[in-house]
N, C-alpha and C. Protein backbone atom coordinates (compact mmCIF):
# COMPACT_ATOMS: atom_id res chain seq x y z
N MET A 1 31.28 183.47 35.94
CA MET A 1 31.51 183.74 37.32
C MET A 1 30.31 182.73 37.90
N THR A 2 31.23 181.57 39.19
CA THR A 2 30.23 180.44 39.34
C THR A 2 29.39 181.35 40.67
N GLU A 3 27.50 181.14 40.61
CA GLU A 3 26.59 181.28 41.21
C GLU A 3 26.47 180.50 42.31
N LEU A 4 26.73 181.49 43.56
CA LEU A 4 26.88 180.49 45.02
C LEU A 4 25.40 180.04 45.16
N LYS A 5 25.17 179.30 45.99
CA LYS A 5 23.80 179.02 46.47
C LYS A 5 23.85 179.67 48.13
N ASN A 6 22.54 180.05 48.30
CA ASN A 6 21.82 180.68 49.50
C ASN A 6 22.00 180.29 50.71
N TYR A 7 22.00 178.98 49.97
CA TYR A 7 21.53 177.39 51.26
C TYR A 7 20.99 176.48 50.83
N LEU A 8 21.38 175.62 51.83
CA LEU A 8 21.42 174.00 51.39
C LEU A 8 19.84 173.81 51.40
N ASP A 9 18.81 174.17 52.35
CA ASP A 9 17.57 173.66 52.87
C ASP A 9 16.66 175.09 53.16
N ILE A 10 15.64 175.09 52.79
CA ILE A 10 15.14 177.32 52.94
C ILE A 10 14.72 176.72 54.24
N ASP A 11 14.50 175.88 54.88
CA ASP A 11 13.96 175.48 56.48
C ASP A 11 14.26 175.60 57.66
N ASP A 12 15.96 175.56 57.04
CA ASP A 12 17.17 175.27 57.82
C ASP A 12 17.66 176.36 58.75
N ILE A 13 18.12 177.12 59.43
CA ILE A 13 19.08 177.73 60.03
C ILE A 13 20.20 177.67 59.68
N GLU A 14 21.31 177.85 58.89
CA GLU A 14 22.45 177.15 58.26
C GLU A 14 23.33 178.35 58.48
N VAL A 15 24.50 177.38 58.99
CA VAL A 15 25.48 178.44 59.77
C VAL A 15 26.99 178.07 59.18
N GLY A 16 27.52 178.62 58.28
CA GLY A 16 28.26 178.32 57.34
C GLY A 16 29.70 178.69 58.12
N ILE A 17 30.70 177.59 57.48
CA ILE A 17 32.17 177.95 58.70
C ILE A 17 33.11 177.63 58.00
N ASP A 18 34.24 178.87 58.07
CA ASP A 18 35.19 178.57 57.21
C ASP A 18 36.32 179.06 57.89
N GLU A 19 37.57 178.85 57.42
CA GLU A 19 39.03 179.65 58.26
C GLU A 19 39.95 180.12 57.06
N ALA A 20 40.89 181.51 58.29
CA ALA A 20 41.93 181.31 57.20
C ALA A 20 43.08 181.26 58.38
N GLY A 21 44.30 181.45 57.23
CA GLY A 21 45.76 181.60 57.96
C GLY A 21 46.44 179.87 58.09
N LEU A 22 45.26 178.85 58.17
CA LEU A 22 46.16 177.55 58.31
C LEU A 22 47.71 177.34 57.91
N GLY A 23 47.68 177.44 57.17
CA GLY A 23 49.29 177.15 56.13
C GLY A 23 50.47 178.22 56.65
N CYS A 24 50.01 179.10 57.68
CA CYS A 24 51.00 180.30 57.56
C CYS A 24 51.68 179.04 59.03
N VAL A 25 53.37 180.04 59.03
CA VAL A 25 54.34 179.29 60.16
C VAL A 25 54.16 180.32 61.11
N ALA A 26 53.23 182.06 60.72
CA ALA A 26 53.29 182.55 61.91
C ALA A 26 52.30 182.79 62.36
N GLY A 27 51.82 183.51 63.48
CA GLY A 27 49.97 183.99 63.68
C GLY A 27 49.56 182.91 64.21
N SER A 28 48.62 183.64 64.14
CA SER A 28 47.17 182.92 64.89
C SER A 28 46.54 182.34 63.26
N PHE A 29 45.58 181.48 63.49
CA PHE A 29 44.53 180.93 62.32
C PHE A 29 43.17 181.66 62.65
N PHE A 30 41.94 182.25 62.36
CA PHE A 30 41.10 182.46 62.56
C PHE A 30 39.78 181.36 61.98
N VAL A 31 38.94 181.12 62.54
CA VAL A 31 37.38 180.89 61.99
C VAL A 31 36.55 181.38 62.29
N GLY A 32 35.71 181.22 61.11
CA GLY A 32 34.41 182.63 60.91
C GLY A 32 33.44 181.34 60.70
N GLY A 33 32.39 182.10 61.31
CA GLY A 33 31.20 181.18 61.48
C GLY A 33 29.70 182.26 61.19
N VAL A 34 28.81 181.70 60.18
CA VAL A 34 28.02 183.20 59.69
C VAL A 34 26.89 182.25 59.47
N ILE A 35 25.32 182.34 59.96
CA ILE A 35 24.20 182.67 59.48
C ILE A 35 24.02 183.72 58.71
N LEU A 36 23.55 183.67 57.76
CA LEU A 36 22.98 184.77 56.66
C LEU A 36 21.72 184.75 56.48
N PRO A 37 20.54 185.44 55.54
CA PRO A 37 18.97 185.53 55.70
C PRO A 37 19.39 184.59 54.26
N LYS A 38 17.90 184.40 54.04
CA LYS A 38 17.81 183.16 52.63
C LYS A 38 18.25 183.90 51.43
N GLU A 39 17.72 185.12 51.78
CA GLU A 39 17.98 185.49 50.40
C GLU A 39 18.35 187.25 50.54
N CYS A 40 18.75 187.95 49.69
CA CYS A 40 19.12 189.25 49.87
C CYS A 40 17.90 190.01 50.83
N PRO A 41 18.62 190.59 51.82
CA PRO A 41 17.49 191.48 52.89
C PRO A 41 17.60 193.01 52.27
N ASP A 42 18.16 193.67 51.18
CA ASP A 42 17.80 194.88 50.57
C ASP A 42 18.08 194.90 49.48
N ASP A 43 17.15 195.11 48.64
CA ASP A 43 17.68 195.61 46.96
C ASP A 43 19.08 195.90 46.35
N ASP A 44 18.42 196.84 46.87
CA ASP A 44 19.06 198.16 46.74
C ASP A 44 20.66 197.75 47.18
N TYR A 45 20.63 196.64 47.98
CA TYR A 45 22.52 196.23 47.88
C TYR A 45 22.71 194.75 47.49
N ILE A 46 21.82 194.54 45.92
CA ILE A 46 22.36 193.53 45.76
C ILE A 46 23.49 192.94 45.17
N ASN A 47 24.36 193.80 45.26
CA ASN A 47 24.84 194.32 44.33
C ASN A 47 26.73 193.33 45.37
N LEU A 48 26.42 193.79 46.04
CA LEU A 48 27.44 193.49 47.47
C LEU A 48 26.80 192.38 47.95
N TRP A 49 25.65 191.94 47.81
CA TRP A 49 24.64 190.34 48.18
C TRP A 49 25.81 189.29 47.12
N ASN A 50 25.77 189.43 45.59
CA ASN A 50 25.76 188.71 45.29
C ASN A 50 27.53 188.74 44.78
N SER A 51 27.95 189.87 45.53
CA SER A 51 29.65 189.51 45.10
C SER A 51 30.71 188.50 46.39
N ILE A 52 29.85 187.96 47.50
CA ILE A 52 29.84 187.69 48.32
C ILE A 52 30.26 186.15 47.99
N ARG A 53 31.54 185.54 47.84
CA ARG A 53 32.29 183.91 47.07
C ARG A 53 33.59 184.23 48.14
N ASP A 54 34.21 182.99 47.68
CA ASP A 54 35.77 182.89 48.54
C ASP A 54 36.47 183.94 48.45
N SER A 55 36.88 184.01 49.66
CA SER A 55 37.86 185.25 50.25
C SER A 55 38.93 185.46 48.99
N LYS A 56 39.39 184.05 48.37
CA LYS A 56 40.75 184.41 47.62
C LYS A 56 40.53 185.00 46.51
N LYS A 57 39.15 185.34 45.65
CA LYS A 57 38.51 185.65 44.84
C LYS A 57 37.96 186.86 45.19
N VAL A 58 37.93 187.36 45.89
CA VAL A 58 37.80 188.79 46.22
C VAL A 58 38.80 189.64 46.37
N LYS A 59 39.30 191.22 45.79
CA LYS A 59 39.78 191.63 45.96
C LYS A 59 39.84 192.61 47.09
N LYS A 60 40.79 192.57 47.98
CA LYS A 60 41.60 193.44 49.25
C LYS A 60 40.45 194.43 49.60
N GLU A 61 40.13 195.40 48.78
CA GLU A 61 39.36 196.15 49.22
C GLU A 61 38.10 195.84 48.86
N ARG A 62 37.96 195.05 48.36
CA ARG A 62 36.11 194.62 48.35
C ARG A 62 35.90 193.47 49.52
N ARG A 63 36.75 193.11 49.99
CA ARG A 63 36.70 191.68 50.75
C ARG A 63 36.30 192.25 52.41
N TYR A 64 37.27 194.34 52.50
CA TYR A 64 36.53 194.59 54.11
C TYR A 64 35.54 195.30 53.57
N GLN A 65 34.97 195.67 52.21
CA GLN A 65 33.63 196.15 52.61
C GLN A 65 32.07 195.48 52.55
N LEU A 66 33.09 193.74 52.13
CA LEU A 66 32.30 192.44 51.93
C LEU A 66 31.74 192.01 53.15
N ALA A 67 32.94 192.49 54.33
CA ALA A 67 33.49 192.00 55.91
C ALA A 67 32.27 193.00 56.67
N ASP A 68 32.10 194.37 55.92
CA ASP A 68 31.38 195.27 56.80
C ASP A 68 30.05 194.77 56.10
N TYR A 69 29.38 194.18 55.83
CA TYR A 69 28.15 194.37 54.96
C TYR A 69 27.71 193.12 55.22
N ILE A 70 28.22 191.91 55.05
CA ILE A 70 28.13 190.50 56.35
C ILE A 70 27.78 190.76 57.61
N LYS A 71 28.66 191.48 58.57
CA LYS A 71 28.40 191.70 59.74
C LYS A 71 26.85 192.68 59.86
N GLU A 72 26.50 193.10 58.94
CA GLU A 72 25.53 193.89 59.75
C GLU A 72 24.21 192.89 58.94
N ILE A 73 23.96 192.71 58.01
CA ILE A 73 23.29 191.64 57.51
C ILE A 73 23.24 190.04 58.17
N ALA A 74 23.80 189.60 58.56
CA ALA A 74 23.95 188.46 59.30
C ALA A 74 22.71 188.66 60.17
N LEU A 75 22.31 186.63 60.43
CA LEU A 75 21.47 187.04 61.55
C LEU A 75 22.36 186.76 62.38
N ASP A 76 23.46 186.19 62.66
CA ASP A 76 24.49 185.99 64.17
C ASP A 76 25.80 185.79 62.95
N TRP A 77 27.41 185.86 63.54
CA TRP A 77 28.37 185.44 62.81
C TRP A 77 29.24 185.46 64.14
N THR A 78 30.58 184.94 64.40
CA THR A 78 31.68 185.13 65.52
C THR A 78 32.72 184.62 64.60
N ILE A 79 33.54 184.80 65.25
CA ILE A 79 34.83 184.72 65.03
C ILE A 79 35.83 183.96 66.07
N VAL A 80 36.33 183.18 66.37
CA VAL A 80 37.41 182.77 66.57
C VAL A 80 38.57 182.47 66.59
N GLU A 81 39.44 183.24 67.10
CA GLU A 81 41.21 183.33 67.02
C GLU A 81 42.07 181.92 67.44
N VAL A 82 42.31 181.55 67.32
CA VAL A 82 43.43 179.72 67.80
C VAL A 82 45.06 180.79 67.93
N ASP A 83 45.65 180.74 68.12
CA ASP A 83 47.02 181.66 68.36
C ASP A 83 48.31 180.60 68.44
N ASN A 84 49.45 180.84 67.82
CA ASN A 84 50.21 179.98 67.13
C ASN A 84 50.95 178.71 68.73
N ASN A 85 50.77 179.70 70.11
CA ASN A 85 50.74 178.15 70.97
C ASN A 85 49.83 177.32 71.28
N GLN A 86 48.53 177.78 70.85
CA GLN A 86 47.74 176.68 71.01
C GLN A 86 47.73 175.63 69.95
N VAL A 87 48.30 176.10 68.97
CA VAL A 87 48.47 175.59 67.68
C VAL A 87 49.48 174.11 68.07
N ASP A 88 51.25 175.21 68.57
CA ASP A 88 51.93 174.55 69.20
C ASP A 88 51.91 172.73 70.15
N SER A 89 51.17 173.29 70.59
CA SER A 89 50.45 173.01 72.04
C SER A 89 49.47 171.67 71.87
N THR A 90 49.24 171.60 70.51
CA THR A 90 48.89 170.14 70.46
C THR A 90 49.09 170.20 68.78
N ASN A 91 47.81 170.34 67.45
CA ASN A 91 48.52 169.96 66.50
C ASN A 91 47.59 171.14 65.85
N ILE A 92 47.56 171.58 64.58
CA ILE A 92 46.83 172.20 63.69
C ILE A 92 45.41 171.69 63.47
N LEU A 93 45.25 170.52 63.36
CA LEU A 93 43.96 169.60 62.98
C LEU A 93 43.43 169.66 64.26
N LYS A 94 43.86 169.65 65.30
CA LYS A 94 42.89 169.52 66.96
C LYS A 94 42.43 170.55 67.01
N GLU A 95 43.36 172.06 66.59
CA GLU A 95 43.07 173.20 67.34
C GLU A 95 41.71 173.84 66.31
N ARG A 96 42.07 173.06 64.86
CA ARG A 96 40.87 173.44 64.09
C ARG A 96 39.80 172.75 64.07
N LEU A 97 39.29 171.38 64.45
CA LEU A 97 37.98 170.95 64.78
C LEU A 97 37.62 171.05 66.33
N LYS A 98 38.90 171.78 67.31
CA LYS A 98 37.97 172.63 68.72
C LYS A 98 37.24 173.65 68.05
N ALA A 99 38.59 174.33 67.54
CA ALA A 99 37.61 175.85 67.17
C ALA A 99 36.25 175.77 66.50
N TYR A 100 36.09 174.93 65.84
CA TYR A 100 34.87 174.80 64.66
C TYR A 100 33.69 174.81 65.98
N HIS A 101 33.46 173.88 66.57
CA HIS A 101 32.91 173.81 68.08
C HIS A 101 32.55 174.75 68.94
N ILE A 102 33.94 175.84 68.85
CA ILE A 102 33.89 177.00 69.58
C ILE A 102 32.44 177.72 69.15
N VAL A 103 32.83 177.65 67.59
CA VAL A 103 32.18 178.95 66.88
C VAL A 103 31.23 178.10 66.99
N ILE A 104 30.33 177.31 66.88
CA ILE A 104 28.83 177.03 67.48
C ILE A 104 28.65 177.38 68.85
N ASN A 105 29.45 176.86 69.59
CA ASN A 105 28.72 177.56 71.07
C ASN A 105 28.48 178.68 71.29
N GLN A 106 29.32 179.90 70.26
CA GLN A 106 29.61 181.34 70.41
C GLN A 106 28.23 181.98 69.68
N LEU A 107 27.48 181.63 69.05
CA LEU A 107 26.58 181.56 68.03
C LEU A 107 25.59 181.72 69.16
N MET A 108 25.04 183.40 68.96
CA MET A 108 23.54 183.38 70.00
C MET A 108 22.29 183.22 69.48
N ILE A 109 22.10 182.07 68.17
CA ILE A 109 21.19 181.51 67.29
C ILE A 109 21.83 180.18 67.56
N GLU A 110 21.30 179.01 67.32
CA GLU A 110 21.40 177.71 67.27
C GLU A 110 20.83 177.29 66.32
N PRO A 111 21.95 176.63 65.57
CA PRO A 111 21.62 176.83 64.04
C PRO A 111 20.93 175.33 63.84
N ASP A 112 20.48 174.70 63.17
CA ASP A 112 19.31 173.74 61.98
C ASP A 112 20.45 172.61 61.73
N ASN A 113 21.60 172.67 60.89
CA ASN A 113 22.55 172.46 59.93
C ASN A 113 23.37 173.44 60.10
N ILE A 114 24.74 172.59 59.96
CA ILE A 114 26.33 173.39 60.06
C ILE A 114 26.67 172.74 59.09
N LEU A 115 27.37 173.85 57.84
CA LEU A 115 28.41 173.74 56.41
C LEU A 115 29.43 174.31 56.92
N VAL A 116 30.05 172.84 56.19
CA VAL A 116 31.68 173.33 56.98
C VAL A 116 32.56 172.99 55.21
N ASP A 117 33.63 173.93 55.70
CA ASP A 117 34.28 173.80 54.44
C ASP A 117 35.93 173.05 54.29
N GLY A 118 35.53 172.07 53.68
CA GLY A 118 36.48 171.30 53.76
C GLY A 118 35.82 169.91 53.51
N ASP A 119 36.83 169.04 54.34
CA ASP A 119 36.53 167.74 54.69
C ASP A 119 36.45 166.82 56.00
N LYS A 120 36.77 168.17 57.17
CA LYS A 120 36.89 167.43 58.05
C LYS A 120 35.87 167.96 59.45
N PHE A 121 35.11 167.76 60.47
CA PHE A 121 34.81 167.84 61.22
C PHE A 121 34.62 167.05 62.36
N ASN A 122 33.75 167.69 63.78
CA ASN A 122 33.81 166.61 64.39
C ASN A 122 32.08 166.45 65.00
N PRO A 123 31.22 165.43 64.96
CA PRO A 123 29.88 165.78 64.77
C PRO A 123 29.61 166.69 66.74
N TYR A 124 28.69 167.62 66.08
CA TYR A 124 28.48 168.19 67.11
C TYR A 124 27.16 168.02 67.84
N PRO A 125 26.91 167.84 69.12
CA PRO A 125 25.91 167.45 69.59
C PRO A 125 24.89 167.94 69.37
N GLY A 126 23.97 167.29 68.85
CA GLY A 126 22.59 167.27 68.25
C GLY A 126 22.40 167.92 67.43
N ILE A 127 23.15 167.98 66.55
CA ILE A 127 23.46 169.75 65.27
C ILE A 127 23.72 168.57 64.05
N PRO A 128 23.01 168.51 63.29
CA PRO A 128 23.66 167.97 62.12
C PRO A 128 24.75 168.78 61.03
N HIS A 129 25.36 168.03 60.70
CA HIS A 129 26.20 169.06 60.09
C HIS A 129 26.58 168.16 58.84
N ILE A 130 27.37 168.55 57.25
CA ILE A 130 27.49 168.72 56.14
C ILE A 130 29.20 169.00 55.59
N CYS A 131 29.71 168.49 55.61
CA CYS A 131 31.26 168.98 54.49
C CYS A 131 30.98 169.19 53.43
N ILE A 132 31.82 170.00 52.66
CA ILE A 132 31.49 170.00 51.73
C ILE A 132 33.03 170.55 50.87
N GLU A 133 33.71 170.31 49.78
CA GLU A 133 34.89 170.18 48.98
C GLU A 133 34.44 171.51 48.89
N LYS A 134 35.72 172.33 48.84
CA LYS A 134 35.29 174.15 48.25
C LYS A 134 33.84 174.22 48.22
N GLY A 135 33.96 174.22 49.74
CA GLY A 135 32.62 175.10 49.79
C GLY A 135 31.85 176.32 49.76
N ASP A 136 33.79 177.05 50.07
CA ASP A 136 33.80 178.64 50.01
C ASP A 136 32.82 179.23 48.79
N ASN A 137 33.07 178.25 47.35
CA ASN A 137 32.34 178.48 45.76
C ASN A 137 31.31 178.03 45.64
N LYS A 138 30.85 177.30 46.97
CA LYS A 138 29.26 176.68 46.05
C LYS A 138 28.62 177.52 47.20
N PHE A 139 28.35 177.88 48.50
CA PHE A 139 27.71 178.36 49.55
C PHE A 139 28.24 179.75 49.91
N LYS A 140 26.80 180.53 49.91
CA LYS A 140 27.12 181.49 50.34
C LYS A 140 27.81 181.86 51.90
N SER A 141 26.77 180.96 52.81
CA SER A 141 27.55 181.17 53.92
C SER A 141 28.50 180.82 54.22
N ILE A 142 29.14 180.00 53.52
CA ILE A 142 30.32 179.85 54.18
C ILE A 142 31.46 180.93 53.32
N ALA A 143 31.59 181.18 52.65
CA ALA A 143 32.11 182.05 51.56
C ALA A 143 31.98 183.53 52.49
N ALA A 144 30.85 183.53 52.60
CA ALA A 144 31.39 185.03 53.98
C ALA A 144 31.46 184.35 54.99
N ALA A 145 31.71 183.21 55.70
CA ALA A 145 32.91 183.01 56.93
C ALA A 145 34.20 183.29 56.42
N SER A 146 34.02 182.79 55.32
CA SER A 146 35.74 182.71 54.63
C SER A 146 36.36 184.37 54.69
N ILE A 147 35.42 184.95 54.66
CA ILE A 147 35.45 186.77 54.29
C ILE A 147 35.66 187.19 55.39
N LEU A 148 35.23 187.00 56.62
CA LEU A 148 35.32 187.39 57.65
C LEU A 148 36.59 186.75 58.29
N ALA A 149 36.81 185.67 57.91
CA ALA A 149 38.08 184.69 58.57
C ALA A 149 39.33 185.15 58.24
N LYS A 150 39.32 186.21 56.97
CA LYS A 150 40.16 186.45 56.35
C LYS A 150 40.70 187.76 56.68
N THR A 151 40.13 188.58 56.61
CA THR A 151 39.93 189.90 57.27
C THR A 151 40.14 190.15 58.27
N PHE A 152 39.66 189.36 59.15
CA PHE A 152 40.65 189.06 60.33
C PHE A 152 42.02 188.87 60.59
N LYS A 153 42.37 187.20 59.90
CA LYS A 153 43.63 187.18 59.95
C LYS A 153 44.59 188.52 59.43
N ASP A 154 44.09 188.90 58.60
CA ASP A 154 44.90 190.01 57.65
C ASP A 154 45.02 191.48 58.74
N ASP A 155 44.41 191.61 59.70
CA ASP A 155 44.30 192.46 60.18
C ASP A 155 45.43 192.07 61.43
N HIS A 156 45.32 191.20 62.10
CA HIS A 156 45.83 189.98 63.05
C HIS A 156 47.38 190.25 62.55
N VAL A 157 47.95 190.21 61.16
CA VAL A 157 49.14 190.18 60.35
C VAL A 157 49.58 191.12 60.69
N LEU A 158 49.20 192.19 59.93
CA LEU A 158 49.54 193.83 59.93
C LEU A 158 50.76 194.36 61.21
N GLU A 159 49.33 193.97 62.28
CA GLU A 159 49.69 194.46 63.55
C GLU A 159 51.20 193.30 64.07
N MET A 160 51.30 192.48 63.11
CA MET A 160 52.32 191.57 63.97
C MET A 160 53.48 192.38 63.06
N HIS A 161 52.91 192.75 61.85
CA HIS A 161 54.34 193.30 61.39
C HIS A 161 54.96 194.43 61.73
N LYS A 162 54.24 195.53 62.05
CA LYS A 162 54.50 196.03 63.04
C LYS A 162 55.62 196.27 64.12
N GLU A 163 54.96 195.21 64.83
CA GLU A 163 56.38 194.71 65.81
C GLU A 163 57.64 194.24 64.91
N TYR A 164 57.12 193.54 63.87
CA TYR A 164 58.53 192.65 63.31
C TYR A 164 58.93 193.26 61.75
N PRO A 165 58.96 194.03 61.18
CA PRO A 165 59.12 194.01 60.38
C PRO A 165 59.78 193.35 59.35
N VAL A 166 60.92 193.10 59.71
CA VAL A 166 61.95 192.24 58.57
C VAL A 166 61.49 191.37 58.03
N TYR A 167 60.54 190.54 58.34
CA TYR A 167 59.57 189.33 58.46
C TYR A 167 59.01 189.33 57.62
N SER A 168 58.49 190.74 56.86
CA SER A 168 57.37 191.07 55.89
C SER A 168 56.43 190.67 55.72
N TRP A 169 55.41 190.25 56.78
CA TRP A 169 54.11 189.49 56.67
C TRP A 169 53.32 190.50 56.29
N ASP A 170 53.81 192.00 55.96
CA ASP A 170 52.63 192.47 55.27
C ASP A 170 52.53 192.59 53.50
N THR A 171 53.88 191.40 53.50
CA THR A 171 53.50 190.90 52.27
C THR A 171 53.19 189.40 51.67
N ASN A 172 54.04 188.98 52.38
CA ASN A 172 54.12 187.25 52.69
C ASN A 172 53.06 187.08 53.55
N CYS A 173 52.26 187.52 54.08
CA CYS A 173 50.93 186.87 54.99
C CYS A 173 50.89 186.15 55.84
N CYS A 174 52.50 186.18 56.20
CA CYS A 174 53.00 184.88 57.14
C CYS A 174 53.26 182.83 56.47
N PHE A 175 53.03 183.27 55.38
CA PHE A 175 53.44 182.03 54.49
C PHE A 175 55.37 181.46 54.41
N LEU A 176 55.52 181.41 54.27
CA LEU A 176 56.85 180.83 54.24
C LEU A 176 57.41 180.95 52.78
N THR A 177 57.85 182.14 52.33
CA THR A 177 58.08 182.33 51.53
C THR A 177 59.48 182.59 51.70
N LYS A 178 60.43 182.10 50.00
CA LYS A 178 61.80 182.65 50.24
C LYS A 178 62.45 183.89 50.94
N SER A 179 61.62 185.08 50.36
CA SER A 179 62.46 186.26 51.72
C SER A 179 61.71 186.02 53.39
N HIS A 180 60.82 185.03 53.57
CA HIS A 180 60.38 184.92 54.90
C HIS A 180 61.27 184.25 55.52
N ASN A 181 61.66 182.86 54.88
CA ASN A 181 62.74 181.77 55.17
C ASN A 181 64.15 182.25 55.15
N TYR A 182 64.28 183.06 54.83
CA TYR A 182 65.55 183.85 54.29
C TYR A 182 65.77 184.88 55.72
N SER A 183 64.46 185.47 56.26
CA SER A 183 64.59 186.34 57.32
C SER A 183 65.28 185.10 58.65
N ILE A 184 64.11 184.09 58.81
CA ILE A 184 64.28 183.32 59.90
C ILE A 184 65.41 182.98 60.26
N LEU A 185 65.91 183.08 58.99
CA LEU A 185 67.99 181.69 58.70
C LEU A 185 68.91 183.22 59.51
N GLU A 186 68.27 184.56 59.31
CA GLU A 186 68.77 185.71 59.62
C GLU A 186 68.84 186.10 61.15
N TYR A 187 67.60 186.12 61.19
CA TYR A 187 67.07 186.69 62.22
C TYR A 187 66.70 185.67 63.64
N GLY A 188 66.26 184.43 63.03
CA GLY A 188 65.99 183.79 64.11
C GLY A 188 64.16 184.20 64.11
N ILE A 189 63.33 183.22 65.16
CA ILE A 189 62.20 183.17 64.58
C ILE A 189 61.19 184.46 66.23
N THR A 190 60.59 184.79 66.21
CA THR A 190 59.77 185.65 66.97
C THR A 190 58.69 184.69 67.79
N PRO A 191 58.17 185.31 68.92
CA PRO A 191 56.98 184.75 69.53
C PRO A 191 55.64 184.08 68.96
N TYR A 192 56.05 184.65 67.61
CA TYR A 192 54.71 185.02 66.62
C TYR A 192 54.91 182.87 65.86
N HIS A 193 56.07 183.10 65.40
CA HIS A 193 56.02 181.68 64.42
C HIS A 193 56.11 180.75 65.01
N ARG A 194 55.39 180.08 64.48
CA ARG A 194 54.87 178.58 64.76
C ARG A 194 55.90 177.25 64.89
N LYS A 195 56.41 176.80 66.11
CA LYS A 195 57.46 176.45 66.37
C LYS A 195 57.50 174.46 66.42
N THR A 196 56.23 174.37 65.36
CA THR A 196 55.85 173.46 65.34
C THR A 196 55.95 172.73 63.80
N PHE A 197 55.99 174.14 62.80
CA PHE A 197 56.01 174.03 61.61
C PHE A 197 57.31 174.44 61.07
N GLY A 198 57.47 174.04 59.85
CA GLY A 198 58.94 173.74 59.10
C GLY A 198 60.30 174.29 59.86
N ILE A 199 60.82 175.32 59.56
CA ILE A 199 61.63 175.88 59.72
C ILE A 199 61.96 175.90 60.67
N CYS A 200 60.80 176.05 61.57
CA CYS A 200 60.57 176.65 62.72
C CYS A 200 60.67 175.59 64.15
N LYS A 201 60.73 174.41 63.27
CA LYS A 201 61.10 173.24 64.16
C LYS A 201 62.56 173.20 64.84
N GLN A 202 63.35 173.83 64.15
CA GLN A 202 64.90 174.13 64.89
C GLN A 202 65.13 174.66 66.15
N TRP A 203 64.09 175.53 66.72
CA TRP A 203 64.21 176.52 67.48
C TRP A 203 63.01 176.06 68.38
N ARG A 204 62.38 175.20 68.53
CA ARG A 204 61.69 174.82 69.08
C ARG A 204 62.19 174.53 70.33
N GLU A 205 63.71 173.81 70.91
CA GLU A 205 64.16 173.35 72.22
C GLU A 205 64.72 174.62 72.54
N LEU A 206 65.04 175.42 72.01
CA LEU A 206 65.88 176.11 72.44
C LEU A 206 65.21 177.47 73.52
N PRO A 207 66.33 177.97 74.95
CA PRO A 207 65.24 178.80 75.19
C PRO A 207 64.82 179.77 73.96
N GLN A 208 63.87 180.75 74.87
CA GLN A 208 62.83 181.59 74.02
C GLN A 208 63.66 182.66 73.36
N THR A 209 64.82 183.01 72.72
CA THR A 209 65.67 184.29 72.59
C THR A 209 65.41 184.66 71.28
N TYR A 210 65.12 185.57 70.64
CA TYR A 210 64.29 186.23 69.01
C TYR A 210 65.68 187.35 68.66
N MET A 211 65.42 187.61 67.75
CA MET A 211 65.81 188.62 66.66
C MET A 211 66.82 189.14 67.32
N LYS A 212 67.96 188.01 66.75
CA LYS A 212 69.28 188.24 67.14
C LYS A 212 70.27 189.63 66.66
């Protein structure tokens, strides 16, 4: 198992940024920002500290346990939600880059450096950044951000599922699986679907009537 780095520079206050839900055809996406201590703050919880990694590599129950731990030990953390209407109003990339800056604005502690998962970021005034491909598998702060974003996104999906169970969002997580596609063809789209994504584009110019 790859050992994640605790920091890029021990002298810097570093915020890790990552998101969850970009590729979904319904619902919001979430961007997390986390400033972690440089080392595990309590050796009694070293196992949890060492378990912080890319959210996709952590089982669901463990993700929630880690999310609670991260929120407890983080020097600062925040989550930004971008709903489907915001995505449709511009595009997913613009909203993603905008959300990255909102994350920085919402932090109570101003970081010295920004560590971003992936290869996209608009420079933030006065604070340097570094884009890191697969950063959630390299730096603990980015992995922590991915865990918070993923758990917030999963909670959001379950709430939507209660309202519209025929789309099976509790199992497909709002991605366009075959069953999700068939449900859209049968029932139309909901107010949560992204009308600029894939099959949902067919409903973009139609009146907002859902669930035939």
